[in-house]
N, C-alpha and C. Protein backbone atom coordinates (compact mmCIF):
# COMPACT_ATOMS: atom_id res chain seq x y z
N MET A 1 8.01 -34.59 -34.73
CA MET A 1 8.05 -35.08 -33.52
C MET A 1 6.51 -34.22 -32.99
N ASN A 2 5.94 -35.23 -32.37
CA ASN A 2 4.30 -35.25 -32.15
C ASN A 2 5.04 -34.47 -29.95
N THR A 3 3.83 -33.10 -30.26
CA THR A 3 4.40 -32.57 -28.92
C THR A 3 3.28 -33.46 -27.35
N VAL A 4 4.10 -33.89 -26.63
CA VAL A 4 3.98 -34.23 -25.51
C VAL A 4 2.53 -33.47 -24.56
N THR A 5 2.14 -33.91 -24.61
CA THR A 5 1.17 -33.24 -23.74
C THR A 5 0.67 -33.97 -22.63
N LYS A 6 0.39 -33.10 -21.36
CA LYS A 6 -0.02 -33.88 -19.76
C LYS A 6 -2.22 -34.30 -20.38
N VAL A 7 -2.06 -35.30 -19.31
CA VAL A 7 -3.63 -35.89 -19.30
C VAL A 7 -3.55 -34.41 -17.50
N VAL A 8 -4.37 -33.71 -17.78
CA VAL A 8 -4.89 -33.39 -16.95
C VAL A 8 -6.21 -33.77 -16.89
N SER A 9 -6.31 -33.23 -15.63
CA SER A 9 -7.90 -34.27 -14.96
C SER A 9 -8.09 -32.35 -13.94
N ILE A 10 -10.05 -31.27 -13.84
CA ILE A 10 -9.68 -30.23 -12.84
C ILE A 10 -11.41 -30.99 -12.06
N TYR A 11 -11.39 -30.40 -11.16
CA TYR A 11 -12.65 -30.43 -11.02
C TYR A 11 -13.09 -29.38 -9.84
N THR A 12 -14.31 -28.27 -9.49
CA THR A 12 -14.35 -27.49 -9.38
C THR A 12 -14.76 -27.59 -8.45
N GLU A 13 -14.15 -26.95 -6.78
CA GLU A 13 -15.49 -27.21 -5.69
C GLU A 13 -15.73 -25.04 -5.19
N ALA A 14 -16.77 -25.59 -4.64
CA ALA A 14 -17.59 -24.03 -4.92
C ALA A 14 -16.86 -23.66 -2.70
N THR A 15 -16.77 -22.56 -2.59
CA THR A 15 -16.82 -21.88 -1.87
C THR A 15 -16.92 -21.11 -1.06
N PRO A 16 -17.27 -21.35 0.65
CA PRO A 16 -17.66 -19.97 1.24
C PRO A 16 -18.65 -18.97 1.18
N ASN A 17 -17.37 -18.08 -0.59
CA ASN A 17 -17.44 -17.09 -0.29
C ASN A 17 -18.08 -17.48 -1.95
N PRO A 18 -19.50 -16.60 -2.15
CA PRO A 18 -20.12 -16.42 -4.03
C PRO A 18 -19.63 -16.25 -4.88
N ALA A 19 -18.09 -15.19 -4.58
CA ALA A 19 -17.96 -14.75 -6.13
C ALA A 19 -16.59 -15.20 -6.25
N THR A 20 -16.18 -16.58 -5.84
CA THR A 20 -15.08 -17.37 -5.82
C THR A 20 -15.66 -18.98 -6.08
N MET A 21 -14.93 -19.57 -7.34
CA MET A 21 -14.55 -20.82 -7.60
C MET A 21 -12.83 -21.15 -7.43
N LYS A 22 -12.64 -22.12 -6.77
CA LYS A 22 -11.86 -22.92 -6.75
C LYS A 22 -11.85 -24.68 -7.95
N PHE A 23 -10.81 -24.63 -8.62
CA PHE A 23 -10.59 -25.19 -9.82
C PHE A 23 -8.85 -25.59 -8.80
N VAL A 24 -9.77 -27.52 -8.92
CA VAL A 24 -8.30 -28.19 -8.13
C VAL A 24 -7.67 -29.12 -9.81
N VAL A 25 -6.06 -28.96 -9.26
CA VAL A 25 -5.79 -29.54 -10.28
C VAL A 25 -5.02 -31.53 -10.04
N ASN A 26 -4.78 -32.09 -10.63
CA ASN A 26 -4.19 -33.31 -10.63
C ASN A 26 -2.77 -33.19 -10.53
N TYR A 27 -2.46 -31.73 -10.99
CA TYR A 27 -0.88 -31.05 -10.55
C TYR A 27 -0.17 -31.02 -9.47
N MET A 28 0.41 -30.36 -9.50
CA MET A 28 0.65 -29.82 -8.50
C MET A 28 0.94 -28.57 -9.02
N LEU A 29 0.36 -27.48 -8.79
CA LEU A 29 1.11 -25.84 -9.04
C LEU A 29 1.55 -24.50 -9.16
N LEU A 30 1.72 -25.06 -7.66
CA LEU A 30 2.84 -23.97 -6.55
C LEU A 30 3.05 -24.55 -5.47
N PRO A 31 3.88 -25.96 -5.26
CA PRO A 31 3.73 -26.47 -4.66
C PRO A 31 4.24 -25.67 -3.21
N GLN A 32 4.04 -26.49 -2.11
CA GLN A 32 4.03 -25.57 -0.29
C GLN A 32 3.86 -24.17 -0.81
N ASN A 33 3.20 -23.65 -1.07
CA ASN A 33 3.74 -21.98 -1.52
C ASN A 33 2.29 -21.27 -2.44
N SER A 34 2.34 -20.13 -2.25
CA SER A 34 0.56 -19.88 -2.42
C SER A 34 0.51 -18.95 -3.22
N ALA A 35 0.13 -17.81 -3.33
CA ALA A 35 0.53 -16.05 -4.37
C ALA A 35 -0.71 -15.70 -4.71
N ASP A 36 -1.65 -14.38 -4.28
CA ASP A 36 -2.59 -13.82 -4.40
C ASP A 36 -1.87 -12.60 -5.57
N PHE A 37 -3.39 -12.54 -6.81
CA PHE A 37 -3.47 -11.40 -7.47
C PHE A 37 -4.89 -11.14 -7.53
N PRO A 38 -4.33 -10.33 -7.20
CA PRO A 38 -5.82 -9.47 -7.05
C PRO A 38 -6.53 -8.62 -8.33
N THR A 39 -5.37 -8.01 -8.66
CA THR A 39 -5.19 -7.16 -10.26
C THR A 39 -5.15 -7.86 -10.99
N PRO A 40 -4.70 -7.82 -12.46
CA PRO A 40 -3.67 -8.17 -13.49
C PRO A 40 -2.88 -7.73 -13.18
N GLU A 41 -2.64 -6.55 -12.95
CA GLU A 41 -1.35 -5.50 -13.22
C GLU A 41 -0.29 -6.37 -11.51
N SER A 42 -1.14 -7.29 -10.23
CA SER A 42 0.07 -7.45 -9.65
C SER A 42 0.56 -9.51 -10.13
N ALA A 43 -0.11 -9.50 -11.31
CA ALA A 43 0.40 -10.52 -12.22
C ALA A 43 1.67 -10.69 -13.01
N LYS A 44 1.41 -9.08 -13.81
CA LYS A 44 2.70 -9.44 -14.58
C LYS A 44 3.96 -9.66 -14.32
N GLY A 45 4.09 -10.76 -15.62
CA GLY A 45 5.56 -10.53 -15.42
C GLY A 45 5.88 -12.31 -14.23
N ILE A 46 5.00 -12.44 -13.27
CA ILE A 46 4.88 -12.86 -11.95
C ILE A 46 4.23 -14.61 -12.28
N ALA A 47 2.92 -14.28 -13.11
CA ALA A 47 2.12 -15.57 -13.53
C ALA A 47 1.78 -15.22 -14.57
N PRO A 48 2.08 -16.31 -15.36
CA PRO A 48 1.35 -15.87 -16.63
C PRO A 48 0.26 -16.67 -16.62
N LEU A 49 -0.10 -18.19 -15.45
CA LEU A 49 -1.61 -18.39 -15.63
C LEU A 49 -2.86 -17.47 -15.91
N ALA A 50 -2.59 -16.18 -14.10
CA ALA A 50 -2.95 -15.62 -14.07
C ALA A 50 -3.73 -14.69 -15.06
N GLU A 51 -2.49 -14.64 -16.04
CA GLU A 51 -2.00 -12.98 -17.16
C GLU A 51 -3.29 -13.78 -17.64
N ALA A 52 -3.22 -15.10 -18.24
CA ALA A 52 -4.57 -15.05 -19.66
C ALA A 52 -5.51 -14.95 -19.24
N LEU A 53 -5.59 -15.48 -17.34
CA LEU A 53 -6.78 -15.73 -17.14
C LEU A 53 -7.70 -14.31 -16.73
N PHE A 54 -6.59 -13.52 -16.71
CA PHE A 54 -7.07 -12.13 -16.95
C PHE A 54 -7.29 -11.12 -18.42
N SER A 55 -6.67 -11.73 -18.61
CA SER A 55 -6.70 -11.37 -20.19
C SER A 55 -7.93 -11.58 -21.05
N ASN A 56 -8.11 -13.21 -20.92
CA ASN A 56 -9.25 -13.87 -21.26
C ASN A 56 -10.07 -13.81 -21.67
N PHE A 57 -10.68 -13.65 -20.32
CA PHE A 57 -11.81 -14.19 -19.70
C PHE A 57 -12.51 -12.36 -18.68
N ASP A 58 -12.98 -11.25 -19.39
CA ASP A 58 -13.21 -9.74 -18.46
C ASP A 58 -13.98 -9.83 -17.17
N TYR A 59 -14.40 -10.61 -17.17
CA TYR A 59 -14.95 -11.05 -16.16
C TYR A 59 -14.73 -11.70 -14.99
N VAL A 60 -13.11 -12.20 -14.97
CA VAL A 60 -11.96 -12.42 -13.97
C VAL A 60 -11.85 -11.38 -12.89
N SER A 61 -11.88 -10.66 -12.09
CA SER A 61 -11.18 -10.19 -10.61
C SER A 61 -10.08 -9.82 -9.48
N GLY A 62 -9.84 -11.80 -10.01
CA GLY A 62 -8.39 -12.30 -9.15
C GLY A 62 -8.48 -13.70 -9.30
N VAL A 63 -6.93 -14.19 -9.04
CA VAL A 63 -6.16 -14.64 -9.14
C VAL A 63 -5.54 -15.96 -7.78
N PHE A 64 -6.35 -16.80 -7.48
CA PHE A 64 -5.22 -17.32 -6.60
C PHE A 64 -4.78 -18.42 -6.58
N ILE A 65 -3.48 -18.86 -6.18
CA ILE A 65 -2.88 -19.56 -7.52
C ILE A 65 -2.09 -20.43 -5.46
N MET A 66 -2.58 -22.30 -5.18
CA MET A 66 -1.97 -22.60 -4.31
C MET A 66 -1.63 -23.64 -4.24
N ASN A 67 -0.24 -24.67 -4.01
CA ASN A 67 -0.96 -25.91 -4.03
C ASN A 67 -1.34 -26.71 -5.11
N ASN A 68 -2.77 -27.73 -5.93
CA ASN A 68 -2.71 -28.04 -6.37
C ASN A 68 -3.97 -27.58 -7.09
N PHE A 69 -4.41 -25.87 -6.68
CA PHE A 69 -5.97 -25.54 -6.89
C PHE A 69 -5.19 -23.74 -7.50
N VAL A 70 -6.31 -23.52 -8.53
CA VAL A 70 -6.97 -22.08 -8.65
C VAL A 70 -8.21 -22.00 -7.98
N THR A 71 -8.17 -20.46 -7.76
CA THR A 71 -8.85 -19.50 -7.30
C THR A 71 -10.13 -18.79 -7.79
N VAL A 72 -10.45 -18.60 -8.50
CA VAL A 72 -11.15 -17.68 -9.41
C VAL A 72 -12.12 -16.04 -8.44
N THR A 73 -11.69 -15.40 -9.11
CA THR A 73 -13.07 -14.64 -8.22
C THR A 73 -13.72 -14.13 -10.03
N LYS A 74 -15.06 -13.78 -9.33
CA LYS A 74 -15.69 -13.19 -10.95
C LYS A 74 -16.30 -11.71 -10.48
N LYS A 75 -16.35 -11.02 -11.08
CA LYS A 75 -16.08 -9.46 -10.91
C LYS A 75 -17.44 -8.87 -10.23
N SER A 76 -18.86 -9.89 -10.90
CA SER A 76 -20.14 -9.61 -10.49
C SER A 76 -20.84 -10.59 -10.61
N ASP A 77 -21.94 -10.30 -9.34
CA ASP A 77 -23.08 -10.44 -8.96
C ASP A 77 -23.87 -11.03 -10.08
N SER A 78 -24.08 -10.48 -10.98
CA SER A 78 -25.34 -10.70 -11.89
C SER A 78 -24.48 -12.19 -13.02
N ILE A 79 -22.94 -12.85 -13.06
CA ILE A 79 -22.51 -13.58 -13.34
C ILE A 79 -22.82 -14.84 -13.02
N ASP A 80 -23.50 -15.61 -13.42
CA ASP A 80 -23.67 -16.81 -13.06
C ASP A 80 -22.86 -18.02 -13.06
N TRP A 81 -21.90 -18.63 -12.53
CA TRP A 81 -20.86 -19.91 -12.55
C TRP A 81 -21.42 -20.50 -12.86
N PHE A 82 -22.65 -21.05 -13.76
CA PHE A 82 -23.34 -21.76 -13.74
C PHE A 82 -22.93 -21.42 -15.52
N ASP A 83 -22.73 -20.25 -16.23
CA ASP A 83 -22.53 -19.80 -17.05
C ASP A 83 -21.14 -20.22 -17.95
N ILE A 84 -19.75 -19.62 -16.51
CA ILE A 84 -19.13 -19.67 -16.61
C ILE A 84 -18.16 -20.64 -15.43
N VAL A 85 -17.94 -21.05 -16.01
CA VAL A 85 -17.16 -22.06 -14.82
C VAL A 85 -16.62 -23.45 -16.05
N ALA A 86 -17.36 -24.32 -17.02
CA ALA A 86 -17.31 -24.42 -18.35
C ALA A 86 -16.05 -24.31 -18.94
N PRO A 87 -15.62 -23.18 -19.10
CA PRO A 87 -14.99 -21.69 -20.32
C PRO A 87 -13.81 -21.89 -19.58
N LEU A 88 -14.09 -21.60 -17.84
CA LEU A 88 -13.00 -21.10 -17.10
C LEU A 88 -12.33 -23.29 -16.28
N ARG A 89 -13.26 -23.64 -16.80
CA ARG A 89 -12.01 -25.41 -16.33
C ARG A 89 -11.66 -25.32 -17.96
N ASP A 90 -12.19 -25.24 -18.91
CA ASP A 90 -11.58 -25.44 -20.57
C ASP A 90 -10.31 -24.79 -20.34
N PHE A 91 -10.35 -23.66 -20.49
CA PHE A 91 -8.93 -22.97 -20.67
C PHE A 91 -7.71 -23.37 -19.68
N ILE A 92 -8.13 -23.64 -18.53
CA ILE A 92 -7.37 -23.88 -17.50
C ILE A 92 -6.46 -25.32 -17.95
N ARG A 93 -7.29 -26.16 -17.84
CA ARG A 93 -6.98 -27.99 -18.86
C ARG A 93 -6.45 -27.50 -19.07
N THR A 94 -6.87 -27.18 -21.03
CA THR A 94 -5.97 -26.63 -21.75
C THR A 94 -4.45 -25.97 -21.51
N TYR A 95 -4.16 -25.35 -20.88
CA TYR A 95 -3.61 -24.07 -20.52
C TYR A 95 -2.34 -25.39 -20.00
N ILE A 96 -2.48 -25.96 -18.44
CA ILE A 96 -1.79 -26.60 -18.52
C ILE A 96 -1.09 -27.44 -18.86
N SER A 97 -2.34 -29.06 -19.54
CA SER A 97 -1.70 -29.73 -21.14
C SER A 97 -1.42 -29.66 -22.12
N GLU A 98 -0.57 -28.31 -22.01
CA GLU A 98 -0.05 -27.74 -23.43
C GLU A 98 1.51 -27.44 -22.73
N GLY A 99 1.77 -27.88 -21.60
CA GLY A 99 2.69 -27.27 -20.56
C GLY A 99 3.14 -26.02 -20.56
N GLY A 100 1.67 -24.67 -20.09
CA GLY A 100 1.88 -23.04 -20.27
C GLY A 100 2.95 -23.06 -18.36
N GLU A 101 3.56 -22.19 -18.24
CA GLU A 101 4.17 -21.81 -17.58
C GLU A 101 2.75 -20.49 -16.02
N ILE A 102 2.71 -21.84 -15.12
CA ILE A 102 1.94 -21.03 -14.18
C ILE A 102 2.45 -20.02 -13.30
N VAL A 103 3.35 -20.60 -13.31
CA VAL A 103 4.61 -18.93 -12.13
C VAL A 103 5.56 -19.58 -11.93
N ASN A 104 6.62 -17.95 -12.45
CA ASN A 104 7.92 -17.50 -12.41
C ASN A 104 7.61 -17.84 -11.27
N ALA A 105 8.80 -18.89 -11.34
CA ALA A 105 9.30 -18.44 -9.60
C ALA A 105 10.24 -17.92 -9.29
N ALA A 106 11.51 -17.30 -10.22
CA ALA A 106 12.27 -16.12 -9.49
C ALA A 106 11.57 -14.84 -9.61
N ALA A 107 11.56 -14.53 -10.51
CA ALA A 107 9.78 -13.93 -10.02
C ALA A 107 9.07 -13.49 -9.16
N LEU A 108 9.43 -14.42 -8.82
CA LEU A 108 7.94 -14.41 -7.73
C LEU A 108 8.06 -14.41 -5.92
N GLN A 109 9.88 -14.98 -6.08
CA GLN A 109 11.08 -14.93 -4.68
C GLN A 109 11.79 -13.47 -4.99
N THR A 110 11.98 -13.20 -6.12
CA THR A 110 12.40 -11.44 -6.20
C THR A 110 10.57 -10.19 -5.84
N LYS A 111 9.37 -11.03 -6.37
CA LYS A 111 8.29 -9.80 -5.14
C LYS A 111 8.95 -10.14 -3.42
N PHE A 112 8.77 -11.68 -3.71
CA PHE A 112 9.45 -12.06 -2.97
C PHE A 112 9.70 -11.06 -1.52
N ALA A 113 10.89 -11.16 -1.99
CA ALA A 113 12.45 -10.63 -1.20
C ALA A 113 12.31 -8.37 -1.36
N ALA A 114 11.44 -8.41 -2.38
CA ALA A 114 11.56 -6.88 -2.42
C ALA A 114 10.11 -6.08 -1.86
N ASP A 115 8.49 -7.68 -1.90
CA ASP A 115 7.77 -6.84 -1.05
C ASP A 115 7.32 -8.37 0.09
N PRO A 116 7.62 -8.19 1.82
CA PRO A 116 7.21 -8.15 2.29
C PRO A 116 5.45 -8.85 2.77
N ASP A 117 5.00 -7.76 2.17
CA ASP A 117 3.81 -7.67 2.10
C ASP A 117 3.29 -9.31 1.42
N ALA A 118 3.94 -9.42 0.08
CA ALA A 118 4.01 -10.40 -1.07
C ALA A 118 3.53 -11.96 0.43
N ASN A 119 4.29 -12.14 0.59
CA ASN A 119 4.30 -13.10 1.12
C ASN A 119 4.82 -12.95 3.02
N PRO A 120 3.84 -12.61 3.34
CA PRO A 120 3.59 -12.02 4.86
C PRO A 120 3.52 -12.59 6.00
N ASN A 121 3.02 -14.35 5.89
CA ASN A 121 3.39 -15.39 6.67
C ASN A 121 4.83 -15.88 7.37
N ALA A 122 5.61 -15.25 6.06
CA ALA A 122 7.22 -15.72 6.25
C ALA A 122 8.14 -15.18 8.02
N ILE A 123 9.17 -15.88 8.58
CA ILE A 123 9.35 -15.25 9.56
C ILE A 123 10.85 -14.54 8.72
N THR A 124 10.67 -13.16 9.12
CA THR A 124 12.06 -12.42 8.79
C THR A 124 13.01 -12.16 10.26
N GLU A 125 13.77 -11.77 10.03
CA GLU A 125 15.44 -11.01 11.14
C GLU A 125 14.45 -9.31 12.29
N GLU A 126 13.44 -9.12 11.58
CA GLU A 126 12.51 -8.62 12.63
C GLU A 126 12.06 -8.29 13.34
N ASP A 127 11.85 -9.68 13.08
CA ASP A 127 10.03 -10.73 13.63
C ASP A 127 10.65 -10.47 15.56
N SER A 128 9.10 -10.40 15.99
CA SER A 128 9.92 -10.20 17.63
C SER A 128 9.11 -11.66 18.11
N GLU A 129 9.60 -12.31 18.82
CA GLU A 129 9.02 -13.72 19.28
C GLU A 129 7.77 -14.20 19.17
N VAL A 130 6.90 -12.67 19.62
CA VAL A 130 5.78 -12.87 19.78
C VAL A 130 5.23 -13.01 17.76
N VAL A 131 5.59 -12.21 17.11
CA VAL A 131 5.10 -12.54 15.52
C VAL A 131 5.47 -13.55 15.06
N ILE A 132 6.76 -14.44 16.08
CA ILE A 132 7.12 -15.64 15.18
C ILE A 132 6.10 -17.15 15.31
N LYS A 133 6.16 -17.01 16.55
CA LYS A 133 5.55 -17.47 16.84
C LYS A 133 3.88 -18.01 16.79
N ILE A 134 2.94 -15.77 16.26
CA ILE A 134 1.77 -16.29 15.36
C ILE A 134 2.29 -16.93 13.78
N LYS A 135 3.26 -16.55 13.36
CA LYS A 135 3.32 -16.73 12.15
C LYS A 135 2.87 -18.83 12.20
N ASP A 136 3.88 -18.62 13.27
CA ASP A 136 4.08 -20.74 12.90
C ASP A 136 2.88 -20.73 13.42
N LEU A 137 1.43 -20.64 13.91
CA LEU A 137 0.14 -21.04 14.14
C LEU A 137 -0.45 -21.23 13.28
N LEU A 138 0.09 -19.49 12.52
CA LEU A 138 -0.90 -20.09 11.74
C LEU A 138 -0.84 -21.46 10.00
N VAL A 139 0.54 -20.71 9.91
CA VAL A 139 0.76 -22.14 8.89
C VAL A 139 0.66 -23.06 8.91
N LYS A 140 0.49 -23.64 10.65
CA LYS A 140 0.83 -24.72 10.80
C LYS A 140 -1.03 -25.14 11.40
N TYR A 141 -1.44 -24.31 11.80
CA TYR A 141 -3.14 -24.26 12.56
C TYR A 141 -3.94 -23.91 11.10
N VAL A 142 -3.77 -22.82 10.80
CA VAL A 142 -4.64 -22.13 9.84
C VAL A 142 -4.83 -22.15 8.58
N GLN A 143 -4.17 -22.10 7.91
CA GLN A 143 -3.56 -21.96 6.74
C GLN A 143 -3.86 -23.38 5.94
N PRO A 144 -4.25 -24.49 6.37
CA PRO A 144 -4.22 -25.95 6.51
C PRO A 144 -5.94 -25.82 6.13
N ALA A 145 -6.62 -25.29 6.96
CA ALA A 145 -8.13 -24.96 7.02
C ALA A 145 -8.76 -24.46 6.24
N VAL A 146 -7.91 -22.89 6.14
CA VAL A 146 -8.73 -21.95 5.08
C VAL A 146 -8.47 -23.09 3.27
N GLU A 147 -7.08 -23.91 3.68
CA GLU A 147 -6.72 -24.29 1.72
C GLU A 147 -8.68 -24.92 1.53
N MET A 148 -8.80 -25.94 2.31
CA MET A 148 -9.74 -26.63 1.80
C MET A 148 -10.66 -25.89 1.40
N ASP A 149 -11.09 -23.74 1.87
CA ASP A 149 -11.79 -23.58 0.58
C ASP A 149 -11.57 -22.81 0.03
N GLY A 150 -10.54 -23.30 -0.53
CA GLY A 150 -9.95 -22.17 -1.12
C GLY A 150 -9.53 -20.71 -1.67
N GLY A 151 -8.78 -20.34 0.18
CA GLY A 151 -8.16 -19.20 0.05
C GLY A 151 -6.89 -19.51 1.51
N ALA A 152 -6.83 -17.48 1.88
CA ALA A 152 -5.43 -18.14 3.13
C ALA A 152 -5.84 -16.80 4.13
N ILE A 153 -5.24 -16.75 4.69
CA ILE A 153 -5.68 -16.38 6.15
C ILE A 153 -3.60 -15.69 5.93
N VAL A 154 -3.47 -14.75 6.32
CA VAL A 154 -1.67 -14.50 6.66
C VAL A 154 -2.54 -13.27 8.02
N PHE A 155 -1.01 -13.15 7.65
CA PHE A 155 0.20 -12.16 9.25
C PHE A 155 0.25 -10.41 8.32
N ARG A 156 -0.68 -9.58 8.68
CA ARG A 156 -0.12 -7.80 8.49
C ARG A 156 0.38 -7.40 9.81
N SER A 157 -0.29 -7.50 10.72
CA SER A 157 0.60 -6.48 11.36
C SER A 157 0.12 -7.41 12.99
N PHE A 158 1.52 -6.98 13.81
CA PHE A 158 1.01 -7.48 14.94
C PHE A 158 0.59 -5.39 15.96
N SER A 159 0.72 -5.22 17.15
CA SER A 159 0.55 -3.81 18.15
C SER A 159 -1.02 -3.89 18.89
N ASN A 160 0.76 -4.13 19.88
CA ASN A 160 -0.72 -3.49 21.12
C ASN A 160 -2.08 -4.32 21.89
N GLY A 161 -1.25 -5.48 21.17
CA GLY A 161 -1.98 -6.86 21.30
C GLY A 161 -2.92 -7.15 20.11
N VAL A 162 -3.04 -6.97 18.94
CA VAL A 162 -4.27 -7.18 18.37
C VAL A 162 -2.96 -6.68 17.31
N LEU A 163 -3.70 -7.90 16.96
CA LEU A 163 -3.20 -9.43 15.40
C LEU A 163 -4.40 -8.79 14.33
N THR A 164 -3.37 -8.10 13.34
CA THR A 164 -4.79 -7.89 12.32
C THR A 164 -4.16 -8.51 11.12
N LEU A 165 -5.30 -9.22 10.32
CA LEU A 165 -4.80 -10.57 9.20
C LEU A 165 -5.39 -9.85 7.97
N GLY A 166 -4.86 -10.51 7.06
CA GLY A 166 -5.17 -10.57 5.41
C GLY A 166 -5.69 -11.66 5.00
N MET A 167 -7.33 -11.21 4.69
CA MET A 167 -7.35 -13.17 3.31
C MET A 167 -7.70 -12.30 1.99
N GLN A 168 -6.69 -12.98 1.52
CA GLN A 168 -6.97 -13.36 0.50
C GLN A 168 -7.79 -15.15 -0.91
N GLY A 169 -7.05 -14.91 -1.71
CA GLY A 169 -8.10 -16.03 -2.30
C GLY A 169 -9.55 -16.30 -2.00
N SER A 170 -10.28 -17.00 -1.67
CA SER A 170 -11.84 -17.26 -2.06
C SER A 170 -12.14 -17.20 -0.11
N CYS A 171 -11.52 -16.36 1.09
CA CYS A 171 -11.26 -16.05 2.02
C CYS A 171 -11.40 -13.69 1.88
N SER A 172 -11.67 -13.89 0.52
CA SER A 172 -10.41 -12.37 0.47
C SER A 172 -12.73 -12.12 0.32
N GLY A 173 -13.12 -10.14 1.26
CA GLY A 173 -14.34 -10.76 0.25
C GLY A 173 -15.62 -11.57 1.00
N CYS A 174 -15.31 -12.61 1.85
CA CYS A 174 -16.20 -13.67 2.16
C CYS A 174 -16.68 -14.10 3.67
N PRO A 175 -18.43 -13.14 3.87
CA PRO A 175 -19.03 -13.17 4.25
C PRO A 175 -18.97 -14.04 5.71
N SER A 176 -18.50 -14.93 5.47
CA SER A 176 -18.59 -16.03 6.47
C SER A 176 -16.81 -15.90 7.31
N SER A 177 -15.86 -15.67 6.80
CA SER A 177 -14.44 -15.16 6.92
C SER A 177 -14.56 -14.61 8.44
N THR A 178 -15.09 -13.51 8.44
CA THR A 178 -15.27 -12.89 9.63
C THR A 178 -15.80 -13.71 10.73
N ILE A 179 -16.90 -14.92 10.53
CA ILE A 179 -17.47 -15.58 11.99
C ILE A 179 -16.37 -15.97 11.62
N THR A 180 -15.67 -16.84 10.70
CA THR A 180 -14.40 -17.92 11.21
C THR A 180 -13.11 -17.06 11.74
N LEU A 181 -12.80 -15.63 11.70
CA LEU A 181 -12.21 -15.23 11.85
C LEU A 181 -12.03 -14.75 13.86
N LYS A 182 -13.23 -14.53 14.18
CA LYS A 182 -13.99 -14.38 15.22
C LYS A 182 -13.96 -15.52 16.70
N ALA A 183 -15.12 -16.95 15.60
CA ALA A 183 -15.11 -17.33 16.79
C ALA A 183 -14.01 -18.29 16.26
N GLY A 184 -12.89 -18.26 15.54
CA GLY A 184 -12.00 -19.76 15.02
C GLY A 184 -10.60 -19.23 15.52
N ILE A 185 -10.05 -18.81 14.82
CA ILE A 185 -8.77 -18.22 15.05
C ILE A 185 -8.16 -17.19 15.91
N GLU A 186 -9.76 -15.82 16.70
CA GLU A 186 -9.37 -15.37 17.99
C GLU A 186 -9.11 -16.12 18.98
N GLY A 187 -10.41 -16.93 18.87
CA GLY A 187 -9.93 -17.40 20.47
C GLY A 187 -9.11 -18.71 20.24
N MET A 188 -8.64 -19.22 19.63
CA MET A 188 -6.95 -20.16 19.71
C MET A 188 -5.90 -20.06 20.03
N LEU A 189 -6.18 -18.42 19.72
CA LEU A 189 -4.05 -16.99 19.40
C LEU A 189 -4.28 -17.16 20.53
N LYS A 190 -5.73 -16.20 21.45
CA LYS A 190 -5.82 -16.33 22.01
C LYS A 190 -5.23 -16.89 23.27
N ARG A 191 -5.65 -18.37 22.81
CA ARG A 191 -5.32 -19.46 23.72
C ARG A 191 -3.52 -19.44 23.97
N MET A 192 -3.32 -19.26 23.32
CA MET A 192 -1.87 -20.58 22.97
C MET A 192 -0.61 -18.92 22.63
N ILE A 193 -1.74 -17.26 22.41
CA ILE A 193 -0.22 -16.58 22.44
C ILE A 193 -1.00 -15.36 23.70
N PRO A 194 -1.43 -15.11 24.67
CA PRO A 194 -1.54 -14.86 26.03
C PRO A 194 -1.13 -13.28 25.60
N ASP A 195 -0.57 -12.79 24.46
CA ASP A 195 0.18 -11.22 24.14
C ASP A 195 -1.02 -11.07 23.79
N VAL A 196 -1.76 -11.60 22.35
CA VAL A 196 -2.86 -11.53 21.57
C VAL A 196 -4.41 -11.13 22.04
N LYS A 197 -4.89 -10.41 22.55
CA LYS A 197 -5.74 -9.56 22.95
C LYS A 197 -7.35 -9.22 21.83
N ALA A 198 -6.70 -9.69 20.37
CA ALA A 198 -8.01 -9.24 19.78
C ALA A 198 -7.18 -9.09 18.23
N VAL A 199 -7.80 -9.83 17.50
CA VAL A 199 -7.60 -10.47 16.14
C VAL A 199 -8.64 -10.24 15.13
N GLU A 200 -8.23 -7.97 14.24
CA GLU A 200 -9.00 -7.64 13.13
C GLU A 200 -8.80 -8.88 11.92
N ALA A 201 -9.64 -8.23 11.02
CA ALA A 201 -9.39 -8.47 9.29
C ALA A 201 -8.45 -6.52 9.20
N GLU A 202 -7.66 -7.21 7.75
CA GLU A 202 -7.31 -6.39 7.37
C GLU A 202 -8.74 -4.96 6.98
N MET A 203 -7.85 -3.97 6.61
CA MET A 203 -9.42 -3.34 5.93
C MET A 203 -8.68 -2.71 4.69
N LEU A 204 -10.20 -3.16 3.43
CA LEU A 204 -8.85 -3.10 2.18
C LEU A 204 -9.64 -1.71 1.91
């Protein structure tokens, strides 16, 4: 019996972060969700595609999966995207076309349940009314905007009027993300939620 393979097409998009590249696929990989894997250890047992990228390409330092794209972060500025985009694209295409598992949904949900930071925009019973409003705005307005650039900006904490947000995918380590945070997101949140007095990026 012949093995049926998917016809997979992939195109790449540069992101505002020079260390990351977005690989857009003609299939939904993680519908209506996102998962950030900043280290090989964070992907183990959860994201087979991310594990495969880490193990096959020693210059990969991070993988972010969301909807129909994968954002890959490279380790060094000395590695030129011109030299590595083609092998990465071919690897992802082959992996998906052969039916490779992208993310283990059950393992991801277990991680979300055990580690609140793994799904930081999810509303919990402990959230105050203000935090619920913040998360709602992040999901409705901020996430769709930064998704186009191959990343995510997520809730981390809110205390004494200061909102701390985490950067994932292409937003992590991106010089322009700080400008976006202060010039756009902070202004919007302060206007819509008066309790928010300042917005800061998580210090890693």
